[in-house]
Amino acid sequence: MEDKNENWKTKSPLAECVRKMYENRENNGDVKIRVAKEGCEIKAHRFILVCRSTVLSTMLEDKDDKTTDVLTVNDVKKATFEQFLE
């Protein structure tokens, strides 16, 4: 029997699945973004970062250890970066 929590993955359009991935990033994000300007971190998904930005995509490609990705962004506020992810 299929788990109700997993049912949305097979029954929803891709865009809705990506939206849920974004909404659940604090629980299952695989990359941390260090917002240097405010001294905080935001969890995100590599997939979404690569889709949204060639700069972040290049930064991720340059990382040696893909399991502990922490990227630092300097000239952006947390709220602005979260809006960018959405």
Protein backbone atom coordinates (compact mmCIF):
# COMPACT_ATOMS: atom_id res chain seq x y z
CA MET A 1 0.00 0.00 0.00
CA GLU A 2 1.32 3.43 -0.95
CA ASP A 3 2.10 5.91 1.82
CA LYS A 4 -0.29 8.92 1.70
CA ASN A 5 2.66 11.28 2.17
CA GLU A 6 4.34 9.87 -0.94
CA ASN A 7 1.18 9.77 -3.08
CA TRP A 8 1.51 13.42 -4.16
CA LYS A 9 4.79 12.60 -5.93
CA THR A 10 3.14 10.28 -8.42
CA LYS A 11 -0.19 12.09 -8.71
CA SER A 12 1.02 15.69 -9.16
CA PRO A 13 2.44 17.58 -12.14
CA LEU A 14 6.19 18.20 -12.11
CA ALA A 15 5.79 21.91 -11.29
CA GLU A 16 3.81 21.05 -8.15
CA CYS A 17 6.43 18.49 -7.10
CA VAL A 18 9.19 21.08 -7.51
CA ARG A 19 7.12 23.55 -5.45
CA LYS A 20 6.80 20.97 -2.65
CA MET A 21 10.53 20.31 -2.88
CA TYR A 22 11.14 24.04 -2.38
CA GLU A 23 8.68 24.22 0.53
CA ASN A 24 10.35 21.25 2.28
CA ARG A 25 13.92 22.47 1.73
CA GLU A 26 14.61 22.94 5.46
CA ASN A 27 14.01 19.22 5.99
CA ASN A 28 15.66 17.76 2.92
CA GLY A 29 17.75 20.42 1.20
CA ASP A 30 21.15 19.20 0.04
CA VAL A 31 22.97 22.55 -0.13
CA LYS A 32 23.43 25.36 2.40
CA ILE A 33 23.68 28.96 1.29
CA ARG A 34 25.59 31.15 3.71
CA VAL A 35 24.24 34.69 3.44
CA ALA A 36 27.34 36.58 4.55
CA LYS A 37 25.60 39.95 4.78
CA GLU A 38 23.29 38.69 7.57
CA GLY A 39 25.37 35.81 8.96
CA CYS A 40 22.71 33.15 8.39
CA GLU A 41 22.25 29.99 6.33
CA ILE A 42 19.44 28.88 4.05
CA LYS A 43 18.95 25.28 2.96
CA ALA A 44 18.17 24.68 -0.69
CA HIS A 45 18.18 21.97 -3.34
CA ARG A 46 21.04 21.69 -5.81
CA PHE A 47 18.46 21.04 -8.57
CA ILE A 48 16.68 24.35 -7.96
CA LEU A 49 19.93 26.33 -7.68
CA VAL A 50 21.23 24.88 -10.96
CA CYS A 51 17.91 25.68 -12.67
CA ARG A 52 17.80 29.26 -11.38
CA SER A 53 21.38 30.50 -11.77
CA THR A 54 24.38 29.86 -14.00
CA VAL A 55 26.61 31.44 -11.35
CA LEU A 56 25.40 29.10 -8.60
CA SER A 57 25.54 26.18 -11.02
CA THR A 58 29.20 26.94 -11.71
CA MET A 59 29.92 27.30 -7.99
CA LEU A 60 28.39 23.86 -7.37
CA GLU A 61 30.31 22.27 -10.24
CA ASP A 62 33.55 23.59 -8.77
CA LYS A 63 32.91 21.93 -5.39
CA ASP A 64 35.04 18.84 -4.73
CA ASP A 65 32.83 17.25 -2.06
CA LYS A 66 29.25 17.17 -3.38
CA THR A 67 27.78 15.94 -0.06
CA THR A 68 28.70 18.95 2.08
CA ASP A 69 27.98 21.86 -0.19
CA VAL A 70 28.00 25.25 1.50
CA LEU A 71 27.99 28.22 -0.82
CA THR A 72 28.58 31.78 0.35
CA VAL A 73 26.78 34.71 -1.24
CA ASN A 74 27.93 38.15 -0.23
CA ASP A 75 25.88 41.02 -1.60
CA VAL A 76 22.35 39.83 -1.00
CA LYS A 77 19.87 39.83 1.87
CA LYS A 78 18.28 36.62 3.14
CA ALA A 79 14.77 37.72 2.11
CA THR A 80 15.97 38.54 -1.40
CA PHE A 81 17.69 35.19 -1.79
CA GLU A 82 14.63 33.30 -0.54
CA GLN A 83 12.50 35.19 -3.05
CA PHE A 84 14.99 34.23 -5.77
CA LEU A 85 14.61 30.54 -4.83
CA GLU A 86 10.84 30.73 -4.96
